[in-house]
N, C-alpha and C. Protein backbone atom coordinates (compact mmCIF):
# COMPACT_ATOMS: atom_id res chain seq x y z
N MET A 1 21.04 119.31 -237.32
CA MET A 1 19.94 119.87 -238.03
C MET A 1 18.67 119.02 -237.85
N ASN A 2 18.90 117.71 -237.83
CA ASN A 2 17.75 116.84 -237.61
C ASN A 2 17.08 117.13 -236.27
N ARG A 3 17.87 117.43 -235.34
CA ARG A 3 17.30 117.74 -234.01
C ARG A 3 16.42 118.98 -234.09
N VAL A 4 16.82 119.96 -234.76
CA VAL A 4 16.06 121.19 -234.87
C VAL A 4 14.74 120.91 -235.58
N LEU A 5 14.79 120.12 -236.63
CA LEU A 5 13.57 119.80 -237.36
C LEU A 5 12.60 118.99 -236.49
N LYS A 6 13.16 118.04 -235.75
CA LYS A 6 12.29 117.25 -234.87
C LYS A 6 11.63 118.14 -233.80
N SER A 7 12.38 119.07 -233.26
CA SER A 7 11.78 119.94 -232.24
C SER A 7 10.74 120.86 -232.86
N ILE A 8 10.93 121.26 -234.10
CA ILE A 8 9.93 122.12 -234.77
C ILE A 8 8.67 121.29 -235.02
N ARG A 9 8.83 120.04 -235.44
CA ARG A 9 7.67 119.19 -235.69
C ARG A 9 6.91 118.92 -234.39
N ARG A 10 7.65 118.67 -233.33
CA ARG A 10 6.99 118.42 -232.05
C ARG A 10 6.20 119.64 -231.59
N SER A 11 6.76 120.81 -231.71
CA SER A 11 6.06 122.00 -231.27
C SER A 11 4.81 122.24 -232.09
N GLY A 12 4.79 121.82 -233.29
CA GLY A 12 3.61 121.95 -234.13
C GLY A 12 2.55 120.95 -233.75
N GLU A 13 2.93 119.84 -233.18
CA GLU A 13 1.97 118.81 -232.81
C GLU A 13 1.33 119.07 -231.45
N GLU A 14 1.98 119.80 -230.60
CA GLU A 14 1.45 120.03 -229.25
C GLU A 14 0.30 121.03 -229.29
N ARG A 15 -0.69 120.74 -228.45
CA ARG A 15 -1.85 121.64 -228.37
C ARG A 15 -1.61 122.71 -227.32
N GLY A 16 -2.02 123.88 -227.56
CA GLY A 16 -1.93 124.95 -226.58
C GLY A 16 -3.27 125.13 -225.87
N ILE A 17 -3.27 125.90 -224.81
CA ILE A 17 -4.50 126.18 -224.07
C ILE A 17 -5.25 127.27 -224.84
N THR A 18 -6.49 127.02 -225.10
CA THR A 18 -7.27 128.00 -225.86
C THR A 18 -7.76 129.10 -224.94
N GLY A 19 -8.23 130.16 -225.52
CA GLY A 19 -8.75 131.30 -224.76
C GLY A 19 -9.99 130.94 -223.97
N LEU A 20 -10.83 130.03 -224.50
CA LEU A 20 -12.04 129.61 -223.80
C LEU A 20 -11.71 128.86 -222.53
N GLU A 21 -10.74 127.96 -222.59
CA GLU A 21 -10.33 127.22 -221.39
C GLU A 21 -9.75 128.16 -220.35
N THR A 22 -8.96 129.12 -220.78
CA THR A 22 -8.38 130.11 -219.86
C THR A 22 -9.49 130.93 -219.19
N ALA A 23 -10.49 131.32 -219.95
CA ALA A 23 -11.59 132.10 -219.41
C ALA A 23 -12.37 131.30 -218.36
N ILE A 24 -12.58 130.00 -218.63
CA ILE A 24 -13.30 129.15 -217.68
C ILE A 24 -12.53 129.03 -216.37
N VAL A 25 -11.21 128.80 -216.47
CA VAL A 25 -10.39 128.69 -215.26
C VAL A 25 -10.41 130.02 -214.50
N LEU A 26 -10.30 131.13 -215.20
CA LEU A 26 -10.32 132.45 -214.56
C LEU A 26 -11.65 132.70 -213.87
N ILE A 27 -12.75 132.35 -214.52
CA ILE A 27 -14.08 132.55 -213.93
C ILE A 27 -14.22 131.69 -212.68
N ALA A 28 -13.70 130.47 -212.70
CA ALA A 28 -13.77 129.60 -211.52
C ALA A 28 -13.00 130.23 -210.35
N PHE A 29 -11.81 130.78 -210.63
CA PHE A 29 -11.03 131.45 -209.58
C PHE A 29 -11.79 132.65 -209.02
N VAL A 30 -12.41 133.42 -209.89
CA VAL A 30 -13.15 134.61 -209.45
C VAL A 30 -14.34 134.21 -208.59
N VAL A 31 -15.07 133.15 -208.99
CA VAL A 31 -16.23 132.70 -208.22
C VAL A 31 -15.79 132.21 -206.85
N VAL A 32 -14.74 131.42 -206.78
CA VAL A 32 -14.24 130.92 -205.50
C VAL A 32 -13.79 132.08 -204.62
N ALA A 33 -13.10 133.05 -205.20
CA ALA A 33 -12.65 134.22 -204.44
C ALA A 33 -13.84 135.03 -203.94
N ALA A 34 -14.88 135.17 -204.75
CA ALA A 34 -16.06 135.93 -204.33
C ALA A 34 -16.77 135.23 -203.18
N VAL A 35 -16.91 133.91 -203.25
CA VAL A 35 -17.55 133.16 -202.17
C VAL A 35 -16.74 133.27 -200.89
N PHE A 36 -15.43 133.14 -200.99
CA PHE A 36 -14.56 133.27 -199.83
C PHE A 36 -14.65 134.67 -199.23
N ALA A 37 -14.66 135.70 -200.08
CA ALA A 37 -14.77 137.08 -199.59
C ALA A 37 -16.10 137.30 -198.89
N PHE A 38 -17.20 136.72 -199.43
CA PHE A 38 -18.50 136.86 -198.80
C PHE A 38 -18.51 136.21 -197.41
N VAL A 39 -17.92 135.03 -197.30
CA VAL A 39 -17.86 134.33 -196.02
C VAL A 39 -17.05 135.15 -195.01
N VAL A 40 -15.91 135.66 -195.44
CA VAL A 40 -15.06 136.45 -194.53
C VAL A 40 -15.78 137.72 -194.10
N LEU A 41 -16.42 138.42 -195.03
CA LEU A 41 -17.13 139.65 -194.67
C LEU A 41 -18.31 139.37 -193.76
N SER A 42 -19.06 138.30 -194.04
CA SER A 42 -20.20 137.96 -193.18
C SER A 42 -19.75 137.64 -191.76
N THR A 43 -18.68 136.87 -191.66
CA THR A 43 -18.15 136.53 -190.34
C THR A 43 -17.67 137.79 -189.62
N GLY A 44 -17.00 138.67 -190.32
CA GLY A 44 -16.52 139.92 -189.72
C GLY A 44 -17.65 140.80 -189.25
N LEU A 45 -18.71 140.92 -190.07
CA LEU A 45 -19.86 141.73 -189.68
C LEU A 45 -20.58 141.13 -188.48
N PHE A 46 -20.71 139.80 -188.47
CA PHE A 46 -21.36 139.14 -187.34
C PHE A 46 -20.57 139.35 -186.05
N SER A 47 -19.25 139.18 -186.12
CA SER A 47 -18.44 139.34 -184.91
C SER A 47 -18.39 140.79 -184.46
N SER A 48 -18.38 141.73 -185.39
CA SER A 48 -18.38 143.14 -184.97
C SER A 48 -19.72 143.52 -184.35
N GLU A 49 -20.82 142.93 -184.84
CA GLU A 49 -22.13 143.18 -184.24
C GLU A 49 -22.18 142.63 -182.82
N ARG A 50 -21.63 141.44 -182.62
CA ARG A 50 -21.57 140.86 -181.27
C ARG A 50 -20.69 141.72 -180.36
N GLY A 51 -19.59 142.21 -180.89
CA GLY A 51 -18.72 143.08 -180.11
C GLY A 51 -19.43 144.36 -179.70
N LYS A 52 -20.21 144.92 -180.62
CA LYS A 52 -20.96 146.13 -180.33
C LYS A 52 -22.00 145.87 -179.24
N GLU A 53 -22.69 144.72 -179.31
CA GLU A 53 -23.67 144.37 -178.28
C GLU A 53 -23.00 144.22 -176.92
N THR A 54 -21.81 143.64 -176.90
CA THR A 54 -21.08 143.47 -175.64
C THR A 54 -20.69 144.82 -175.05
N VAL A 55 -20.22 145.71 -175.90
CA VAL A 55 -19.83 147.05 -175.43
C VAL A 55 -21.04 147.79 -174.87
N TYR A 56 -22.18 147.73 -175.57
CA TYR A 56 -23.38 148.41 -175.09
C TYR A 56 -23.88 147.80 -173.78
N ALA A 57 -23.79 146.48 -173.66
CA ALA A 57 -24.20 145.84 -172.40
C ALA A 57 -23.29 146.28 -171.26
N GLY A 58 -21.99 146.39 -171.52
CA GLY A 58 -21.05 146.86 -170.50
C GLY A 58 -21.33 148.30 -170.10
N LEU A 59 -21.63 149.14 -171.09
CA LEU A 59 -21.96 150.53 -170.78
C LEU A 59 -23.24 150.62 -169.96
N GLN A 60 -24.23 149.82 -170.33
CA GLN A 60 -25.48 149.82 -169.57
C GLN A 60 -25.24 149.39 -168.13
N LYS A 61 -24.34 148.44 -167.94
CA LYS A 61 -24.04 147.93 -166.61
C LYS A 61 -23.36 148.99 -165.75
N THR A 62 -22.47 149.77 -166.33
CA THR A 62 -21.72 150.74 -165.54
C THR A 62 -22.42 152.10 -165.46
N ARG A 63 -23.39 152.36 -166.31
CA ARG A 63 -24.03 153.68 -166.31
C ARG A 63 -24.88 153.92 -165.07
N GLY A 64 -25.31 152.90 -164.37
CA GLY A 64 -26.14 153.09 -163.19
C GLY A 64 -25.32 153.23 -161.93
N SER A 65 -24.04 153.45 -162.05
CA SER A 65 -23.16 153.48 -160.89
C SER A 65 -23.44 154.68 -159.99
N MET A 66 -23.33 154.42 -158.70
CA MET A 66 -23.48 155.46 -157.70
C MET A 66 -22.13 155.66 -157.03
N SER A 67 -21.99 156.78 -156.38
CA SER A 67 -20.77 157.01 -155.62
C SER A 67 -21.13 157.55 -154.24
N LEU A 68 -20.26 157.24 -153.30
CA LEU A 68 -20.44 157.68 -151.92
C LEU A 68 -20.02 159.14 -151.83
N THR A 69 -20.85 159.94 -151.19
CA THR A 69 -20.53 161.35 -151.01
C THR A 69 -20.40 161.60 -149.52
N GLY A 70 -19.22 162.01 -149.11
CA GLY A 70 -18.97 162.24 -147.69
C GLY A 70 -18.63 160.94 -146.99
N GLY A 71 -18.67 160.98 -145.68
CA GLY A 71 -18.31 159.81 -144.89
C GLY A 71 -19.52 158.99 -144.49
N VAL A 72 -19.24 157.90 -143.84
CA VAL A 72 -20.29 157.06 -143.26
C VAL A 72 -20.38 157.46 -141.79
N ILE A 73 -21.54 157.92 -141.37
CA ILE A 73 -21.75 158.39 -140.00
C ILE A 73 -22.46 157.29 -139.22
N ALA A 74 -21.86 156.90 -138.11
CA ALA A 74 -22.44 155.86 -137.26
C ALA A 74 -22.92 156.48 -135.96
N THR A 75 -24.00 155.94 -135.46
CA THR A 75 -24.52 156.34 -134.15
C THR A 75 -24.32 155.16 -133.21
N SER A 76 -23.79 155.46 -132.02
CA SER A 76 -23.46 154.39 -131.07
C SER A 76 -24.25 154.57 -129.78
N ASN A 77 -24.54 153.45 -129.14
CA ASN A 77 -25.16 153.50 -127.82
C ASN A 77 -24.11 153.28 -126.72
N GLY A 78 -22.84 153.33 -127.11
CA GLY A 78 -21.74 153.16 -126.16
C GLY A 78 -21.12 151.78 -126.24
N THR A 79 -21.89 150.78 -126.67
CA THR A 79 -21.35 149.42 -126.78
C THR A 79 -21.43 148.86 -128.19
N ALA A 80 -22.36 149.37 -129.00
CA ALA A 80 -22.52 148.87 -130.37
C ALA A 80 -23.05 150.00 -131.27
N ILE A 81 -22.83 149.83 -132.56
CA ILE A 81 -23.36 150.78 -133.54
C ILE A 81 -24.84 150.48 -133.73
N THR A 82 -25.67 151.52 -133.63
CA THR A 82 -27.11 151.32 -133.76
C THR A 82 -27.67 151.84 -135.09
N ASP A 83 -27.04 152.90 -135.64
CA ASP A 83 -27.52 153.50 -136.88
C ASP A 83 -26.34 153.82 -137.79
N LEU A 84 -26.59 153.76 -139.11
CA LEU A 84 -25.60 154.16 -140.12
C LEU A 84 -26.25 155.14 -141.07
N SER A 85 -25.47 156.11 -141.53
CA SER A 85 -25.99 157.11 -142.44
C SER A 85 -24.89 157.49 -143.43
N PHE A 86 -25.24 157.61 -144.72
CA PHE A 86 -24.27 158.02 -145.75
C PHE A 86 -25.00 158.65 -146.92
N GLY A 87 -24.26 159.44 -147.68
CA GLY A 87 -24.83 160.14 -148.84
C GLY A 87 -24.46 159.46 -150.14
N LEU A 88 -25.40 159.48 -151.10
CA LEU A 88 -25.17 158.88 -152.42
C LEU A 88 -25.46 159.89 -153.52
N THR A 89 -24.66 159.86 -154.55
CA THR A 89 -24.92 160.60 -155.79
C THR A 89 -24.66 159.64 -156.94
N LEU A 90 -25.08 160.05 -158.12
CA LEU A 90 -24.79 159.26 -159.31
C LEU A 90 -23.38 159.55 -159.79
N ALA A 91 -22.72 158.54 -160.30
CA ALA A 91 -21.42 158.75 -160.93
C ALA A 91 -21.66 159.52 -162.24
N ALA A 92 -20.62 160.12 -162.77
CA ALA A 92 -20.75 160.92 -163.98
C ALA A 92 -21.34 160.09 -165.11
N GLY A 93 -22.40 160.61 -165.71
CA GLY A 93 -23.03 159.93 -166.83
C GLY A 93 -23.91 158.75 -166.45
N GLY A 94 -24.17 158.58 -165.15
CA GLY A 94 -24.96 157.43 -164.69
C GLY A 94 -26.44 157.62 -164.94
N ASP A 95 -27.14 156.51 -165.08
CA ASP A 95 -28.60 156.52 -165.22
C ASP A 95 -29.25 156.64 -163.85
N SER A 96 -30.50 157.05 -163.82
CA SER A 96 -31.24 157.20 -162.58
C SER A 96 -31.34 155.87 -161.84
N VAL A 97 -31.37 155.94 -160.50
CA VAL A 97 -31.43 154.76 -159.65
C VAL A 97 -32.65 154.88 -158.74
N ASN A 98 -33.45 153.82 -158.69
CA ASN A 98 -34.65 153.81 -157.86
C ASN A 98 -34.26 153.47 -156.42
N LEU A 99 -34.53 154.39 -155.49
CA LEU A 99 -34.26 154.18 -154.07
C LEU A 99 -35.53 153.98 -153.26
N ASP A 100 -36.64 153.67 -153.94
CA ASP A 100 -37.93 153.48 -153.28
C ASP A 100 -37.95 152.11 -152.62
N GLN A 101 -37.92 152.09 -151.30
CA GLN A 101 -37.91 150.84 -150.52
C GLN A 101 -39.20 150.05 -150.72
N GLY A 102 -40.30 150.73 -151.02
CA GLY A 102 -41.59 150.07 -151.17
C GLY A 102 -41.80 149.41 -152.52
N ASP A 103 -40.97 149.71 -153.49
CA ASP A 103 -41.09 149.10 -154.82
C ASP A 103 -40.68 147.63 -154.73
N ALA A 104 -41.56 146.74 -155.16
CA ALA A 104 -41.30 145.30 -154.98
C ALA A 104 -40.33 144.73 -156.01
N ASN A 105 -40.30 145.26 -157.22
CA ASN A 105 -39.53 144.62 -158.28
C ASN A 105 -38.26 145.39 -158.68
N ASN A 106 -38.37 146.67 -158.81
CA ASN A 106 -37.28 147.46 -159.39
C ASN A 106 -36.74 148.43 -158.36
N ARG A 107 -36.04 147.91 -157.37
CA ARG A 107 -35.56 148.78 -156.30
C ARG A 107 -34.11 148.47 -155.95
N THR A 108 -33.50 149.39 -155.26
CA THR A 108 -32.13 149.21 -154.79
C THR A 108 -32.15 148.41 -153.49
N VAL A 109 -31.24 147.46 -153.39
CA VAL A 109 -31.14 146.59 -152.21
C VAL A 109 -29.81 146.89 -151.52
N ILE A 110 -29.82 146.94 -150.21
CA ILE A 110 -28.59 147.13 -149.44
C ILE A 110 -28.35 145.87 -148.62
N ALA A 111 -27.15 145.31 -148.77
CA ALA A 111 -26.77 144.10 -148.03
C ALA A 111 -25.75 144.47 -146.96
N TYR A 112 -25.81 143.78 -145.84
CA TYR A 112 -24.87 143.96 -144.73
C TYR A 112 -24.07 142.67 -144.56
N ILE A 113 -22.73 142.82 -144.44
CA ILE A 113 -21.86 141.65 -144.29
C ILE A 113 -20.81 141.96 -143.22
N ASP A 114 -20.65 141.06 -142.26
CA ASP A 114 -19.51 141.10 -141.34
C ASP A 114 -19.06 139.66 -141.11
N THR A 115 -18.17 139.45 -140.18
CA THR A 115 -17.62 138.10 -139.98
C THR A 115 -18.65 137.11 -139.45
N ALA A 116 -19.70 137.58 -138.81
CA ALA A 116 -20.67 136.68 -138.21
C ALA A 116 -22.03 136.68 -138.91
N VAL A 117 -22.40 137.78 -139.57
CA VAL A 117 -23.76 137.93 -140.09
C VAL A 117 -23.73 138.41 -141.54
N THR A 118 -24.66 137.88 -142.32
CA THR A 118 -24.91 138.39 -143.67
C THR A 118 -26.41 138.61 -143.81
N ASP A 119 -26.80 139.84 -144.12
CA ASP A 119 -28.21 140.16 -144.35
C ASP A 119 -28.28 140.80 -145.73
N ASN A 120 -28.97 140.15 -146.67
CA ASN A 120 -28.98 140.61 -148.06
C ASN A 120 -30.06 141.63 -148.38
N ASP A 121 -30.87 142.01 -147.43
CA ASP A 121 -31.91 143.00 -147.70
C ASP A 121 -32.22 143.80 -146.45
N LEU A 122 -31.40 144.83 -146.20
CA LEU A 122 -31.63 145.71 -145.05
C LEU A 122 -32.72 146.72 -145.37
N ALA A 123 -33.52 147.03 -144.37
CA ALA A 123 -34.48 148.12 -144.50
C ALA A 123 -33.72 149.43 -144.33
N TYR A 124 -34.08 150.42 -145.15
CA TYR A 124 -33.42 151.72 -145.07
C TYR A 124 -34.42 152.80 -145.42
N THR A 125 -34.09 154.04 -145.06
CA THR A 125 -34.92 155.18 -145.44
C THR A 125 -34.07 156.13 -146.28
N THR A 126 -34.74 156.80 -147.18
CA THR A 126 -34.07 157.72 -148.10
C THR A 126 -34.57 159.13 -147.86
N THR A 127 -33.64 160.06 -147.74
CA THR A 127 -33.98 161.48 -147.62
C THR A 127 -33.22 162.22 -148.71
N GLU A 128 -33.96 162.96 -149.53
CA GLU A 128 -33.28 163.73 -150.58
C GLU A 128 -32.75 165.02 -149.99
N VAL A 129 -31.45 165.19 -150.02
CA VAL A 129 -30.82 166.41 -149.53
C VAL A 129 -30.90 167.48 -150.62
N VAL A 130 -30.55 167.09 -151.84
CA VAL A 130 -30.67 167.95 -153.02
C VAL A 130 -31.42 167.15 -154.07
N GLY A 131 -32.53 167.68 -154.56
CA GLY A 131 -33.28 166.96 -155.57
C GLY A 131 -34.73 167.39 -155.64
N ASP A 132 -35.53 166.59 -156.33
CA ASP A 132 -36.92 166.95 -156.58
C ASP A 132 -37.90 166.18 -155.68
N ALA A 133 -37.43 165.69 -154.56
CA ALA A 133 -38.26 165.09 -153.50
C ALA A 133 -38.93 163.78 -153.90
N ASP A 134 -38.46 163.12 -154.95
CA ASP A 134 -38.95 161.77 -155.21
C ASP A 134 -37.86 160.79 -154.76
N GLU A 135 -38.14 159.52 -154.85
CA GLU A 135 -37.15 158.53 -154.40
C GLU A 135 -36.37 157.95 -155.58
N LEU A 136 -36.19 158.77 -156.60
CA LEU A 136 -35.40 158.39 -157.77
C LEU A 136 -34.14 159.26 -157.77
N LEU A 137 -32.99 158.64 -157.61
CA LEU A 137 -31.73 159.36 -157.59
C LEU A 137 -31.34 159.69 -159.03
N GLU A 138 -31.32 160.98 -159.35
CA GLU A 138 -31.05 161.44 -160.70
C GLU A 138 -29.78 162.28 -160.71
N ALA A 139 -29.33 162.63 -161.91
CA ALA A 139 -28.11 163.42 -162.05
C ALA A 139 -28.24 164.73 -161.28
N GLY A 140 -27.21 165.07 -160.52
CA GLY A 140 -27.18 166.31 -159.76
C GLY A 140 -27.87 166.22 -158.40
N GLU A 141 -28.44 165.09 -158.06
CA GLU A 141 -29.13 164.94 -156.79
C GLU A 141 -28.24 164.27 -155.75
N LEU A 142 -28.56 164.52 -154.50
CA LEU A 142 -27.86 163.91 -153.36
C LEU A 142 -28.90 163.30 -152.44
N ALA A 143 -28.75 162.03 -152.17
CA ALA A 143 -29.68 161.33 -151.29
C ALA A 143 -28.94 160.85 -150.06
N GLN A 144 -29.59 160.95 -148.91
CA GLN A 144 -29.02 160.43 -147.67
C GLN A 144 -29.74 159.12 -147.34
N ILE A 145 -28.96 158.08 -147.10
CA ILE A 145 -29.49 156.77 -146.75
C ILE A 145 -29.28 156.57 -145.25
N ASP A 146 -30.35 156.22 -144.54
CA ASP A 146 -30.28 155.95 -143.10
C ASP A 146 -30.69 154.51 -142.86
N ILE A 147 -29.86 153.78 -142.08
CA ILE A 147 -30.14 152.39 -141.75
C ILE A 147 -30.17 152.27 -140.23
N ASP A 148 -31.30 151.83 -139.71
CA ASP A 148 -31.45 151.58 -138.28
C ASP A 148 -31.07 150.12 -138.06
N LEU A 149 -29.81 149.88 -137.69
CA LEU A 149 -29.31 148.50 -137.55
C LEU A 149 -30.06 147.72 -136.48
N ALA A 150 -30.46 148.38 -135.42
CA ALA A 150 -31.17 147.68 -134.34
C ALA A 150 -32.48 147.08 -134.84
N THR A 151 -33.16 147.78 -135.76
CA THR A 151 -34.43 147.31 -136.30
C THR A 151 -34.23 146.47 -137.57
N ALA A 152 -33.40 146.97 -138.48
CA ALA A 152 -33.23 146.31 -139.78
C ALA A 152 -32.50 144.99 -139.68
N CYS A 153 -31.58 144.89 -138.75
CA CYS A 153 -30.79 143.67 -138.60
C CYS A 153 -30.52 143.43 -137.12
N PRO A 154 -31.46 142.85 -136.41
CA PRO A 154 -31.28 142.65 -134.97
C PRO A 154 -30.09 141.76 -134.62
N THR A 155 -29.68 140.88 -135.53
CA THR A 155 -28.53 140.01 -135.25
C THR A 155 -27.20 140.68 -135.56
N CYS A 156 -27.25 141.84 -136.20
CA CYS A 156 -26.01 142.57 -136.51
C CYS A 156 -25.55 143.31 -135.26
N SER A 157 -24.39 142.99 -134.78
CA SER A 157 -23.85 143.65 -133.61
C SER A 157 -22.44 144.12 -133.94
N VAL A 158 -22.32 145.39 -134.26
CA VAL A 158 -21.03 145.96 -134.63
C VAL A 158 -20.48 146.68 -133.40
N GLY A 159 -19.47 146.10 -132.81
CA GLY A 159 -18.84 146.69 -131.64
C GLY A 159 -17.59 147.45 -132.02
N ALA A 160 -16.72 147.68 -131.04
CA ALA A 160 -15.48 148.42 -131.26
C ALA A 160 -14.50 147.56 -132.06
N ASN A 161 -13.78 148.24 -132.95
CA ASN A 161 -12.69 147.63 -133.71
C ASN A 161 -13.16 146.43 -134.56
N GLU A 162 -14.32 146.58 -135.17
CA GLU A 162 -14.86 145.53 -136.04
C GLU A 162 -15.07 146.06 -137.45
N GLN A 163 -14.89 145.18 -138.43
CA GLN A 163 -15.06 145.57 -139.82
C GLN A 163 -16.41 145.06 -140.33
N PHE A 164 -17.07 145.90 -141.14
CA PHE A 164 -18.32 145.50 -141.77
C PHE A 164 -18.35 146.07 -143.19
N THR A 165 -19.23 145.51 -144.01
CA THR A 165 -19.35 145.94 -145.41
C THR A 165 -20.82 146.13 -145.74
N LEU A 166 -21.11 147.22 -146.43
CA LEU A 166 -22.44 147.46 -146.99
C LEU A 166 -22.31 147.41 -148.51
N GLU A 167 -23.21 146.68 -149.16
CA GLU A 167 -23.25 146.63 -150.62
C GLU A 167 -24.57 147.25 -151.07
N VAL A 168 -24.46 148.36 -151.80
CA VAL A 168 -25.64 149.05 -152.33
C VAL A 168 -25.82 148.56 -153.76
N LYS A 169 -26.89 147.79 -154.00
CA LYS A 169 -27.10 147.13 -155.30
C LYS A 169 -28.31 147.73 -156.01
N PRO A 170 -28.08 148.55 -157.03
CA PRO A 170 -29.21 149.11 -157.79
C PRO A 170 -29.82 148.05 -158.71
N PRO A 171 -31.02 148.29 -159.25
CA PRO A 171 -31.65 147.32 -160.14
C PRO A 171 -30.83 147.02 -161.39
N SER A 172 -30.12 148.01 -161.89
CA SER A 172 -29.21 147.79 -163.03
C SER A 172 -27.98 148.64 -162.81
N GLY A 173 -26.88 148.18 -163.30
CA GLY A 173 -25.63 148.89 -163.11
C GLY A 173 -24.79 148.23 -162.04
N SER A 174 -23.60 148.75 -161.88
CA SER A 174 -22.69 148.16 -160.91
C SER A 174 -23.07 148.59 -159.50
N TYR A 175 -22.72 147.77 -158.52
CA TYR A 175 -23.08 148.11 -157.15
C TYR A 175 -21.92 148.75 -156.41
N LEU A 176 -22.26 149.44 -155.35
CA LEU A 176 -21.31 150.21 -154.55
C LEU A 176 -20.98 149.42 -153.29
N VAL A 177 -19.68 149.24 -153.03
CA VAL A 177 -19.23 148.51 -151.84
C VAL A 177 -18.66 149.53 -150.86
N ILE A 178 -19.18 149.52 -149.64
CA ILE A 178 -18.71 150.42 -148.58
C ILE A 178 -18.18 149.55 -147.45
N SER A 179 -16.88 149.52 -147.26
CA SER A 179 -16.26 148.75 -146.16
C SER A 179 -15.70 149.72 -145.14
N ARG A 180 -16.01 149.49 -143.90
CA ARG A 180 -15.54 150.36 -142.81
C ARG A 180 -15.14 149.51 -141.61
N THR A 181 -14.25 150.08 -140.79
CA THR A 181 -13.84 149.47 -139.52
C THR A 181 -14.14 150.47 -138.42
N THR A 182 -14.80 150.01 -137.39
CA THR A 182 -15.12 150.89 -136.27
C THR A 182 -13.85 151.19 -135.47
N PRO A 183 -13.81 152.32 -134.79
CA PRO A 183 -12.62 152.65 -134.00
C PRO A 183 -12.51 151.76 -132.76
N ALA A 184 -11.38 151.89 -132.08
CA ALA A 184 -11.12 151.07 -130.88
C ALA A 184 -12.08 151.40 -129.75
N SER A 185 -12.62 152.62 -129.76
CA SER A 185 -13.61 153.00 -128.74
C SER A 185 -14.82 153.59 -129.43
N ILE A 186 -15.99 153.10 -129.08
CA ILE A 186 -17.23 153.65 -129.66
C ILE A 186 -18.08 154.27 -128.55
N ALA A 187 -17.42 154.89 -127.59
CA ALA A 187 -18.12 155.51 -126.47
C ALA A 187 -18.84 156.79 -126.92
N GLU A 188 -18.33 157.47 -127.98
CA GLU A 188 -18.99 158.66 -128.48
C GLU A 188 -20.32 158.29 -129.15
N THR A 189 -21.26 159.22 -129.13
CA THR A 189 -22.56 158.95 -129.73
C THR A 189 -22.51 158.96 -131.25
N ILE A 190 -21.83 159.96 -131.82
CA ILE A 190 -21.72 160.11 -133.28
C ILE A 190 -20.28 159.84 -133.68
N ILE A 191 -20.09 158.91 -134.64
CA ILE A 191 -18.74 158.54 -135.08
C ILE A 191 -18.69 158.64 -136.59
N ASN A 192 -17.68 159.37 -137.09
CA ASN A 192 -17.47 159.47 -138.54
C ASN A 192 -16.52 158.35 -138.96
N LEU A 193 -17.02 157.38 -139.72
CA LEU A 193 -16.21 156.25 -140.17
C LEU A 193 -15.63 156.56 -141.55
N ASN A 194 -14.61 157.39 -141.59
CA ASN A 194 -13.99 157.76 -142.86
C ASN A 194 -13.41 156.61 -143.59
């Protein structure tokens, strides 16, 4: 019985946590949670904004894409390729591409690469096959590109059974790579390099 009385006396002497102290602790937890939630949300919004910018930059890069229409037609003098000709259109959903050779800043550049020569700026002429007769390749238009290799790249000598690459680089967007190998005999005047 003495034990029971002692435990009752002890319980009466111990202090309990008051409602005010509980409220203060609860408010501190809520404030810490609110600050943490704000930091997490701010970080998430910042990273999603950066992700959106990256996606838009990628779309802008690919929207200017062109595609090759038809084959690459080569003209031969019997020993070497002298002229190249190919058709270009915009890829689906692509932005307009400037094909004006005379434009100094915002123009499409064509590079020639083979095992012996690299020329990063070939001269070319543009003929609109289907379009509004300007040198801006737009949706639904077809442009023919002609390159006089003898004039544009005098050091370029493409003979029989040789591989070469043309890179068509628009001012914005992805560039088009055209790799071809000449046949074993280039005695014919006109050769379709499929």
